[in-house]
PDB file of N, CA and C in Angstrom:
ATOM      1  N   UNK A   1     -10.958   9.701  -2.037  1.00  0.00           N
ATOM      2  CA  UNK A   1      -9.475  10.240  -1.745  1.00  0.00           C
ATOM      3  C   UNK A   1      -8.725  11.138  -2.166  1.00  0.00           C
ATOM      4  N   UNK A   2      -7.408  11.596  -2.343  1.00  0.00           N
ATOM      5  CA  UNK A   2      -6.668  13.139  -2.442  1.00  0.00           C
ATOM      6  C   UNK A   2      -5.236  13.152  -2.141  1.00  0.00           C
ATOM      7  N   UNK A   3      -4.966  14.122  -2.839  1.00  0.00           N
ATOM      8  CA  UNK A   3      -3.617  14.092  -2.421  1.00  0.00           C
ATOM      9  C   UNK A   3      -3.486  15.891  -2.187  1.00  0.00           C
ATOM     10  N   UNK A   4      -2.960  15.686  -1.117  1.00  0.00           N
ATOM     11  CA  UNK A   4      -2.819  17.180  -0.279  1.00  0.00           C
ATOM     12  C   UNK A   4      -2.186  18.257  -1.281  1.00  0.00           C
ATOM     13  N   UNK A   5      -0.678  17.545  -1.444  1.00  0.00           N
ATOM     14  CA  UNK A   5       0.256  18.769  -1.164  1.00  0.00           C
ATOM     15  C   UNK A   5       1.657  18.492  -2.509  1.00  0.00           C
ATOM     16  N   UNK A   6       2.086  18.747  -2.677  1.00  0.00           N
ATOM     17  CA  UNK A   6       3.473  18.761  -3.939  1.00  0.00           C
ATOM     18  C   UNK A   6       3.253  17.926  -5.186  1.00  0.00           C
ATOM     19  N   UNK A   7       3.528  17.805  -5.701  1.00  0.00           N
ATOM     20  CA  UNK A   7       3.067  18.315  -7.273  1.00  0.00           C
ATOM     21  C   UNK A   7       2.277  17.289  -8.099  1.00  0.00           C
ATOM     22  N   UNK A   8       1.779  16.172  -6.934  1.00  0.00           N
ATOM     23  CA  UNK A   8      -0.093  15.576  -7.355  1.00  0.00           C
ATOM     24  C   UNK A   8      -0.895  16.240  -6.976  1.00  0.00           C
ATOM     25  N   UNK A   9      -0.912  17.679  -6.108  1.00  0.00           N
ATOM     26  CA  UNK A   9      -2.353  18.230  -5.458  1.00  0.00           C
ATOM     27  C   UNK A   9      -3.143  18.267  -6.498  1.00  0.00           C
ATOM     28  N   UNK A  10      -4.026  17.851  -5.528  1.00  0.00           N
ATOM     29  CA  UNK A  10      -5.641  17.533  -5.574  1.00  0.00           C
ATOM     30  C   UNK A  10      -5.863  16.723  -6.502  1.00  0.00           C
ATOM     31  N   UNK A  11      -5.534  15.773  -7.769  1.00  0.00           N
ATOM     32  CA  UNK A  11      -5.688  14.662  -8.048  1.00  0.00           C
ATOM     33  C   UNK A  11      -6.504  13.685  -7.130  1.00  0.00           C
ATOM     34  N   UNK A  12      -7.281  13.312  -7.597  1.00  0.00           N
ATOM     35  CA  UNK A  12      -8.736  12.372  -6.601  1.00  0.00           C
ATOM     36  C   UNK A  12      -8.022  10.986  -7.123  1.00  0.00           C
ATOM     37  N   UNK A  13      -7.828   9.702  -6.184  1.00  0.00           N
ATOM     38  CA  UNK A  13      -8.084   8.634  -6.205  1.00  0.00           C
ATOM     39  C   UNK A  13      -9.305   7.860  -5.825  1.00  0.00           C
ATOM     40  N   UNK A  14      -9.793   7.506  -6.287  1.00  0.00           N
ATOM     41  CA  UNK A  14     -10.542   6.543  -6.541  1.00  0.00           C
ATOM     42  C   UNK A  14     -10.243   5.056  -6.286  1.00  0.00           C
ATOM     43  N   UNK A  15     -10.494   3.899  -5.255  1.00  0.00           N
ATOM     44  CA  UNK A  15      -9.736   3.117  -3.978  1.00  0.00           C
ATOM     45  C   UNK A  15     -11.470   2.401  -4.715  1.00  0.00           C
ATOM     46  N   UNK A  16     -10.636   0.861  -4.784  1.00  0.00           N
ATOM     47  CA  UNK A  16     -12.023  -0.500  -4.863  1.00  0.00           C
ATOM     48  C   UNK A  16     -12.804  -0.504  -4.208  1.00  0.00           C
ATOM     49  N   UNK A  17     -14.488  -0.830  -3.844  1.00  0.00           N
ATOM     50  CA  UNK A  17     -15.270  -0.270  -2.483  1.00  0.00           C
ATOM     51  C   UNK A  17     -15.140  -1.882  -2.057  1.00  0.00           C
ATOM     52  N   UNK A  18     -14.345  -2.758  -2.733  1.00  0.00           N
ATOM     53  CA  UNK A  18     -13.620  -4.453  -1.862  1.00  0.00           C
ATOM     54  C   UNK A  18     -12.170  -4.627  -2.251  1.00  0.00           C
ATOM     55  N   UNK A  19     -11.991  -3.388  -1.664  1.00  0.00           N
ATOM     56  CA  UNK A  19     -10.428  -3.530  -0.266  1.00  0.00           C
ATOM     57  C   UNK A  19     -11.166  -2.963   0.722  1.00  0.00           C
ATOM     58  N   UNK A  20     -10.336  -4.310   2.175  1.00  0.00           N
ATOM     59  CA  UNK A  20     -10.903  -3.782   3.368  1.00  0.00           C
ATOM     60  C   UNK A  20      -9.823  -3.764   3.579  1.00  0.00           C
ATOM     61  N   UNK A  21     -10.477  -1.829   3.753  1.00  0.00           N
ATOM     62  CA  UNK A  21      -9.142  -0.774   4.004  1.00  0.00           C
ATOM     63  C   UNK A  21     -10.261   0.620   4.676  1.00  0.00           C
ATOM     64  N   UNK A  22      -9.489   1.523   4.817  1.00  0.00           N
ATOM     65  CA  UNK A  22     -10.323   2.531   5.231  1.00  0.00           C
ATOM     66  C   UNK A  22      -8.921   3.430   4.597  1.00  0.00           C
ATOM     67  N   UNK A  23      -9.449   4.605   4.057  1.00  0.00           N
ATOM     68  CA  UNK A  23      -7.964   5.421   3.971  1.00  0.00           C
ATOM     69  C   UNK A  23      -8.131   6.539   4.600  1.00  0.00           C
ATOM     70  N   UNK A  24      -6.766   7.135   5.505  1.00  0.00           N
ATOM     71  CA  UNK A  24      -6.701   8.228   5.852  1.00  0.00           C
ATOM     72  C   UNK A  24      -7.494   9.278   5.517  1.00  0.00           C
ATOM     73  N   UNK A  25      -7.276  10.213   6.442  1.00  0.00           N
ATOM     74  CA  UNK A  25      -8.663  10.934   5.803  1.00  0.00           C
ATOM     75  C   UNK A  25      -7.491  12.187   6.044  1.00  0.00           C
ATOM     76  N   UNK A  26      -7.739  13.267   4.906  1.00  0.00           N
ATOM     77  CA  UNK A  26      -6.846  15.000   4.425  1.00  0.00           C
ATOM     78  C   UNK A  26      -6.970  14.826   5.912  1.00  0.00           C
ATOM     79  N   UNK A  27      -7.442  15.221   7.465  1.00  0.00           N
ATOM     80  CA  UNK A  27      -7.650  16.926   8.197  1.00  0.00           C
ATOM     81  C   UNK A  27      -6.406  15.214   9.037  1.00  0.00           C
ATOM     82  N   UNK A  28      -5.903  13.928   9.490  1.00  0.00           N
ATOM     83  CA  UNK A  28      -4.802  13.323   9.934  1.00  0.00           C
ATOM     84  C   UNK A  28      -3.794  14.130   8.772  1.00  0.00           C
ATOM     85  N   UNK A  29      -3.787  13.315   7.306  1.00  0.00           N
ATOM     86  CA  UNK A  29      -2.989  13.460   7.067  1.00  0.00           C
ATOM     87  C   UNK A  29      -2.303  14.875   6.728  1.00  0.00           C
ATOM     88  N   UNK A  30      -2.781  16.018   6.967  1.00  0.00           N
ATOM     89  CA  UNK A  30      -2.628  17.605   6.903  1.00  0.00           C
ATOM     90  C   UNK A  30      -1.923  17.176   7.883  1.00  0.00           C
ATOM     91  N   UNK A  31      -2.015  16.740   9.770  1.00  0.00           N
ATOM     92  CA  UNK A  31      -1.782  16.674  10.512  1.00  0.00           C
ATOM     93  C   UNK A  31      -0.124  16.560  10.933  1.00  0.00           C
ATOM     94  N   UNK A  32      -0.014  15.723  10.094  1.00  0.00           N
ATOM     95  CA  UNK A  32       1.254  14.459  10.183  1.00  0.00           C
ATOM     96  C   UNK A  32       2.030  15.129   9.514  1.00  0.00           C
ATOM     97  N   UNK A  33       1.878  15.500   8.126  1.00  0.00           N
ATOM     98  CA  UNK A  33       3.211  16.140   6.806  1.00  0.00           C
ATOM     99  C   UNK A  33       2.768  17.429   7.526  1.00  0.00           C
ATOM    100  N   UNK A  34       2.306  18.376   8.234  1.00  0.00           N
ATOM    101  CA  UNK A  34       2.655  20.071   8.782  1.00  0.00           C
ATOM    102  C   UNK A  34       3.346  19.326   9.870  1.00  0.00           C
ATOM    103  N   UNK A  35       3.158  18.678  11.004  1.00  0.00           N
ATOM    104  CA  UNK A  35       4.896  17.473  11.235  1.00  0.00           C
ATOM    105  C   UNK A  35       5.633  17.526  11.513  1.00  0.00           C
ATOM    106  N   UNK A  36       5.510  17.268  10.151  1.00  0.00           N
ATOM    107  CA  UNK A  36       6.767  16.475   9.617  1.00  0.00           C
ATOM    108  C   UNK A  36       8.232  17.326   8.349  1.00  0.00           C
ATOM    109  N   UNK A  37       7.429  18.547   8.263  1.00  0.00           N
ATOM    110  CA  UNK A  37       8.085  19.143   7.480  1.00  0.00           C
ATOM    111  C   UNK A  37       8.844  20.212   8.272  1.00  0.00           C
ATOM    112  N   UNK A  38       8.140  20.430   9.491  1.00  0.00           N
ATOM    113  CA  UNK A  38       8.694  21.411  10.407  1.00  0.00           C
ATOM    114  C   UNK A  38      10.233  20.667  11.101  1.00  0.00           C
ATOM    115  N   UNK A  39       9.782  18.634  10.708  1.00  0.00           N
ATOM    116  CA  UNK A  39      11.416  18.533  11.774  1.00  0.00           C
ATOM    117  C   UNK A  39      11.618  18.145  10.568  1.00  0.00           C
ATOM    118  N   UNK A  40      11.665  17.820  10.000  1.00  0.00           N
ATOM    119  CA  UNK A  40      12.440  16.799   7.868  1.00  0.00           C
ATOM    120  C   UNK A  40      12.852  17.376   7.474  1.00  0.00           C
ATOM    121  N   UNK A  41      13.305  16.877   6.634  1.00  0.00           N
ATOM    122  CA  UNK A  41      13.368  17.452   5.248  1.00  0.00           C
ATOM    123  C   UNK A  41      12.643  16.611   4.228  1.00  0.00           C
ATOM    124  N   UNK A  42      12.260  16.233   3.649  1.00  0.00           N
ATOM    125  CA  UNK A  42      11.075  15.602   3.159  1.00  0.00           C
ATOM    126  C   UNK A  42      11.679  14.667   1.993  1.00  0.00           C
ATOM    127  N   UNK A  43      12.301  15.694   1.046  1.00  0.00           N
ATOM    128  CA  UNK A  43      13.153  15.359   0.112  1.00  0.00           C
ATOM    129  C   UNK A  43      13.965  14.409  -0.113  1.00  0.00           C
ATOM    130  N   UNK A  44      15.013  14.126   0.931  1.00  0.00           N
ATOM    131  CA  UNK A  44      15.773  12.941   0.728  1.00  0.00           C
ATOM    132  C   UNK A  44      15.883  12.792   2.366  1.00  0.00           C
ATOM    133  N   UNK A  45      14.274  12.323   2.650  1.00  0.00           N
ATOM    134  CA  UNK A  45      13.607  10.865   3.588  1.00  0.00           C
ATOM    135  C   UNK A  45      13.228   9.708   2.768  1.00  0.00           C
ATOM    136  N   UNK A  46      13.932   8.930   3.444  1.00  0.00           N
ATOM    137  CA  UNK A  46      12.625   6.807   3.334  1.00  0.00           C
ATOM    138  C   UNK A  46      11.813   6.964   3.864  1.00  0.00           C
ATOM    139  N   UNK A  47      11.004   5.997   3.137  1.00  0.00           N
ATOM    140  CA  UNK A  47       9.677   6.221   4.367  1.00  0.00           C
ATOM    141  C   UNK A  47      10.296   4.654   3.338  1.00  0.00           C
ATOM    142  N   UNK A  48       9.140   3.699   4.651  1.00  0.00           N
ATOM    143  CA  UNK A  48       8.428   3.218   4.688  1.00  0.00           C
ATOM    144  C   UNK A  48       7.233   2.793   5.249  1.00  0.00           C
ATOM    145  N   UNK A  49       6.593   2.632   3.691  1.00  0.00           N
ATOM    146  CA  UNK A  49       4.528   2.707   4.080  1.00  0.00           C
ATOM    147  C   UNK A  49       4.006   1.336   4.719  1.00  0.00           C
ATOM    148  N   UNK A  50       3.827   1.116   6.363  1.00  0.00           N
ATOM    149  CA  UNK A  50       3.602  -0.421   6.229  1.00  0.00           C
ATOM    150  C   UNK A  50       2.571  -0.512   6.406  1.00  0.00           C
ATOM    151  N   UNK A  51       1.341  -1.524   6.490  1.00  0.00           N
ATOM    152  CA  UNK A  51      -0.041  -1.638   5.910  1.00  0.00           C
ATOM    153  C   UNK A  51      -0.745  -0.486   5.312  1.00  0.00           C
ATOM    154  N   UNK A  52       0.022  -0.554   4.324  1.00  0.00           N
ATOM    155  CA  UNK A  52      -0.672   0.684   3.427  1.00  0.00           C
ATOM    156  C   UNK A  52      -1.708  -0.077   3.657  1.00  0.00           C
ATOM    157  N   UNK A  53      -2.425  -0.347   2.411  1.00  0.00           N
ATOM    158  CA  UNK A  53      -4.210  -0.672   2.470  1.00  0.00           C
ATOM    159  C   UNK A  53      -3.806   0.081   0.749  1.00  0.00           C
ATOM    160  N   UNK A  54      -5.070   1.437   0.885  1.00  0.00           N
ATOM    161  CA  UNK A  54      -5.076   2.275  -0.784  1.00  0.00           C
ATOM    162  C   UNK A  54      -3.749   2.418  -0.922  1.00  0.00           C
ATOM    163  N   UNK A  55      -2.506   2.788  -0.478  1.00  0.00           N
ATOM    164  CA  UNK A  55      -1.165   3.253  -1.154  1.00  0.00           C
ATOM    165  C   UNK A  55      -1.524   4.632  -0.441  1.00  0.00           C
ATOM    166  N   UNK A  56      -2.997   5.854   0.543  1.00  0.00           N
ATOM    167  CA  UNK A  56      -2.514   6.822   0.171  1.00  0.00           C
ATOM    168  C   UNK A  56      -1.103   7.612   0.790  1.00  0.00           C
ATOM    169  N   UNK A  57      -0.829   6.717   2.110  1.00  0.00           N
ATOM    170  CA  UNK A  57       0.135   8.065   2.396  1.00  0.00           C
ATOM    171  C   UNK A  57       1.394   7.963   1.706  1.00  0.00           C
ATOM    172  N   UNK A  58       1.414   6.573   0.821  1.00  0.00           N
ATOM    173  CA  UNK A  58       2.839   6.323  -0.290  1.00  0.00           C
ATOM    174  C   UNK A  58       2.790   8.026  -1.114  1.00  0.00           C
ATOM    175  N   UNK A  59       1.124   8.184  -2.153  1.00  0.00           N
ATOM    176  CA  UNK A  59       1.549   8.270  -2.441  1.00  0.00           C
ATOM    177  C   UNK A  59       1.426  10.373  -2.156  1.00  0.00           C
ATOM    178  N   UNK A  60       1.013  10.213  -1.181  1.00  0.00           N
ATOM    179  CA  UNK A  60       1.495  11.972  -0.852  1.00  0.00           C
ATOM    180  C   UNK A  60       2.561  11.874  -0.347  1.00  0.00           C
ATOM    181  N   UNK A  61       4.027  10.670   0.622  1.00  0.00           N
ATOM    182  CA  UNK A  61       5.143  10.985   0.162  1.00  0.00           C
ATOM    183  C   UNK A  61       6.365  11.298  -0.977  1.00  0.00           C
ATOM    184  N   UNK A  62       5.073  10.442  -2.022  1.00  0.00           N
ATOM    185  CA  UNK A  62       6.749  10.613  -4.001  1.00  0.00           C
ATOM    186  C   UNK A  62       4.824  12.151  -4.192  1.00  0.00           C
ATOM    187  N   UNK A  63       4.660  12.409  -3.721  1.00  0.00           N
ATOM    188  CA  UNK A  63       3.732  14.227  -4.361  1.00  0.00           C
ATOM    189  C   UNK A  63       4.845  15.072  -3.617  1.00  0.00           C
ATOM    190  N   UNK A  64       4.966  15.309  -2.502  1.00  0.00           N
ATOM    191  CA  UNK A  64       6.395  15.652  -1.728  1.00  0.00           C
ATOM    192  C   UNK A  64       7.580  15.389  -1.735  1.00  0.00           C
ATOM    193  N   UNK A  65       8.316  14.465  -3.268  1.00  0.00           N
ATOM    194  CA  UNK A  65       9.542  14.368  -3.596  1.00  0.00           C
ATOM    195  C   UNK A  65      10.550  13.502  -3.140  1.00  0.00           C
ATOM    196  N   UNK A  66       9.692  11.577  -1.897  1.00  0.00           N
ATOM    197  CA  UNK A  66      10.191  11.947  -0.616  1.00  0.00           C
ATOM    198  C   UNK A  66      11.464  11.107  -2.298  1.00  0.00           C
ATOM    199  N   UNK A  67      12.449  10.994  -1.950  1.00  0.00           N
ATOM    200  CA  UNK A  67      13.213  10.445  -2.152  1.00  0.00           C
ATOM    201  C   UNK A  67      13.311   8.942  -2.619  1.00  0.00           C
ATOM    202  N   UNK A  68      13.015   7.837  -1.538  1.00  0.00           N
ATOM    203  CA  UNK A  68      12.269   5.765  -1.885  1.00  0.00           C
ATOM    204  C   UNK A  68      11.081   6.021  -0.446  1.00  0.00           C
ATOM    205  N   UNK A  69      10.719   5.309  -1.165  1.00  0.00           N
ATOM    206  CA  UNK A  69       8.926   5.157  -0.707  1.00  0.00           C
ATOM    207  C   UNK A  69       9.338   3.652  -1.097  1.00  0.00           C
ATOM    208  N   UNK A  70       8.950   2.876  -0.605  1.00  0.00           N
ATOM    209  CA  UNK A  70       8.738   2.133  -0.355  1.00  0.00           C
ATOM    210  C   UNK A  70       6.953   1.250   0.644  1.00  0.00           C
ATOM    211  N   UNK A  71       6.148   0.342   0.127  1.00  0.00           N
ATOM    212  CA  UNK A  71       4.425   0.649   0.553  1.00  0.00           C
ATOM    213  C   UNK A  71       5.513  -1.431   0.679  1.00  0.00           C
ATOM    214  N   UNK A  72       3.994  -1.428   2.048  1.00  0.00           N
ATOM    215  CA  UNK A  72       4.208  -2.970   2.093  1.00  0.00           C
ATOM    216  C   UNK A  72       2.274  -3.462   2.844  1.00  0.00           C
ATOM    217  N   UNK A  73       1.928  -4.838   1.796  1.00  0.00           N
ATOM    218  CA  UNK A  73       0.664  -4.810   2.976  1.00  0.00           C
ATOM    219  C   UNK A  73       0.754  -6.021   1.979  1.00  0.00           C
ATOM    220  N   UNK A  74      -0.898  -6.847   2.868  1.00  0.00           N
ATOM    221  CA  UNK A  74      -0.529  -8.485   2.607  1.00  0.00           C
ATOM    222  C   UNK A  74      -1.708  -8.783   1.596  1.00  0.00           C
ATOM    223  N   UNK A  75      -2.673  -8.300   1.884  1.00  0.00           N
ATOM    224  CA  UNK A  75      -3.610  -7.794   0.642  1.00  0.00           C
ATOM    225  C   UNK A  75      -2.677  -8.323  -0.757  1.00  0.00           C
ATOM    226  N   UNK A  76      -2.859  -8.671  -1.513  1.00  0.00           N
ATOM    227  CA  UNK A  76      -3.348  -9.633  -3.044  1.00  0.00           C
ATOM    228  C   UNK A  76      -3.849  -7.482  -3.858  1.00  0.00           C
ATOM    229  N   UNK A  77      -5.150  -7.361  -3.843  1.00  0.00           N
ATOM    230  CA  UNK A  77      -5.702  -6.763  -4.235  1.00  0.00           C
ATOM    231  C   UNK A  77      -5.300  -4.779  -3.839  1.00  0.00           C
ATOM    232  N   UNK A  78      -4.712  -4.498  -2.259  1.00  0.00           N
ATOM    233  CA  UNK A  78      -3.471  -3.439  -2.333  1.00  0.00           C
ATOM    234  C   UNK A  78      -3.244  -3.559  -2.547  1.00  0.00           C
ATOM    235  N   UNK A  79      -2.350  -4.388  -2.950  1.00  0.00           N
ATOM    236  CA  UNK A  79      -0.546  -4.256  -3.889  1.00  0.00           C
ATOM    237  C   UNK A  79      -1.160  -4.034  -5.054  1.00  0.00           C
ATOM    238  N   UNK A  80      -2.315  -4.604  -5.946  1.00  0.00           N
ATOM    239  CA  UNK A  80      -2.232  -4.142  -6.745  1.00  0.00           C
ATOM    240  C   UNK A  80      -2.104  -2.938  -7.287  1.00  0.00           C
ATOM    241  N   UNK A  81      -3.504  -2.017  -6.913  1.00  0.00           N
ATOM    242  CA  UNK A  81      -4.385  -0.813  -7.229  1.00  0.00           C
ATOM    243  C   UNK A  81      -2.616   0.410  -6.121  1.00  0.00           C
ATOM    244  N   UNK A  82      -2.255  -0.022  -5.501  1.00  0.00           N
ATOM    245  CA  UNK A  82      -0.536   0.978  -5.580  1.00  0.00           C
ATOM    246  C   UNK A  82       0.438   0.895  -6.518  1.00  0.00           C
ATOM    247  N   UNK A  83       0.534  -0.732  -7.008  1.00  0.00           N
ATOM    248  CA  UNK A  83       1.329  -0.315  -8.363  1.00  0.00           C
ATOM    249  C   UNK A  83       0.891   0.296  -9.863  1.00  0.00           C
ATOM    250  N   UNK A  84      -1.184  -0.163  -9.900  1.00  0.00           N
ATOM    251  CA  UNK A  84      -1.945  -0.296 -10.926  1.00  0.00           C
ATOM    252  C   UNK A  84      -1.646   1.378 -10.621  1.00  0.00           C
ATOM    253  N   UNK A  85      -2.214   2.468  -9.485  1.00  0.00           N
ATOM    254  CA  UNK A  85      -2.075   3.850  -9.624  1.00  0.00           C
ATOM    255  C   UNK A  85      -0.758   4.824  -9.419  1.00  0.00           C
ATOM    256  N   UNK A  86      -0.016   4.043  -8.416  1.00  0.00           N
ATOM    257  CA  UNK A  86       1.804   4.431  -8.572  1.00  0.00           C
ATOM    258  C   UNK A  86       1.850   4.910 -10.100  1.00  0.00           C
ATOM    259  N   UNK A  87       2.158   3.709 -11.352  1.00  0.00           N
ATOM    260  CA  UNK A  87       1.883   4.060 -11.944  1.00  0.00           C
ATOM    261  C   UNK A  87       1.156   5.014 -13.312  1.00  0.00           C
ATOM    262  N   UNK A  88       0.344   4.808 -13.412  1.00  0.00           N
ATOM    263  CA  UNK A  88      -0.716   5.471 -13.909  1.00  0.00           C
ATOM    264  C   UNK A  88      -0.664   7.235 -12.871  1.00  0.00           C
ATOM    265  N   UNK A  89       0.141   7.526 -12.005  1.00  0.00           N
ATOM    266  CA  UNK A  89       0.651   9.376 -11.915  1.00  0.00           C
ATOM    267  C   UNK A  89       2.208   8.784 -11.983  1.00  0.00           C
ATOM    268  N   UNK A  90       3.075   7.662 -12.369  1.00  0.00           N
ATOM    269  CA  UNK A  90       4.335   8.403 -12.865  1.00  0.00           C
ATOM    270  C   UNK A  90       4.513   8.802 -11.410  1.00  0.00           C
ATOM    271  N   UNK A  91       4.604   8.055 -10.059  1.00  0.00           N
ATOM    272  CA  UNK A  91       4.413   8.207  -9.411  1.00  0.00           C
ATOM    273  C   UNK A  91       5.600   6.973  -8.628  1.00  0.00           C
ATOM    274  N   UNK A  92       7.427   7.794  -7.913  1.00  0.00           N
ATOM    275  CA  UNK A  92       8.305   6.226  -7.657  1.00  0.00           C
ATOM    276  C   UNK A  92       7.495   5.873  -6.721  1.00  0.00           C
ATOM    277  N   UNK A  93       7.257   4.477  -6.363  1.00  0.00           N
ATOM    278  CA  UNK A  93       6.275   3.687  -4.760  1.00  0.00           C
ATOM    279  C   UNK A  93       6.973   2.753  -5.596  1.00  0.00           C
ATOM    280  N   UNK A  94       8.015   1.646  -3.958  1.00  0.00           N
ATOM    281  CA  UNK A  94       8.741  -0.326  -4.600  1.00  0.00           C
ATOM    282  C   UNK A  94       7.202  -0.461  -4.216  1.00  0.00           C
ATOM    283  N   UNK A  95       6.783  -1.649  -4.598  1.00  0.00           N
ATOM    284  CA  UNK A  95       5.838  -2.376  -3.996  1.00  0.00           C
ATOM    285  C   UNK A  95       6.344  -3.744  -3.391  1.00  0.00           C
TER     286      UNK A  95
END
């Protein structure tokens, strides 16, 4: 998976195979963000990413400089992966 736009555009993130999730495809993310960019002021937005899984959407919002991002998932390994990855990329994502 990769970050498709923003300050971290093009960065690839390799999720462990043991996570019980399937990341959102680049095509789906592009469609979502095309709609959001024309309707919302993303830098002032507060984002709640429920059922975060790999954190893919949270990283995308953080790369686009959203004001606050909170990621929530019930799987311990997913939460640990999001914490480790967001810290490694210096992205501000609360988990």
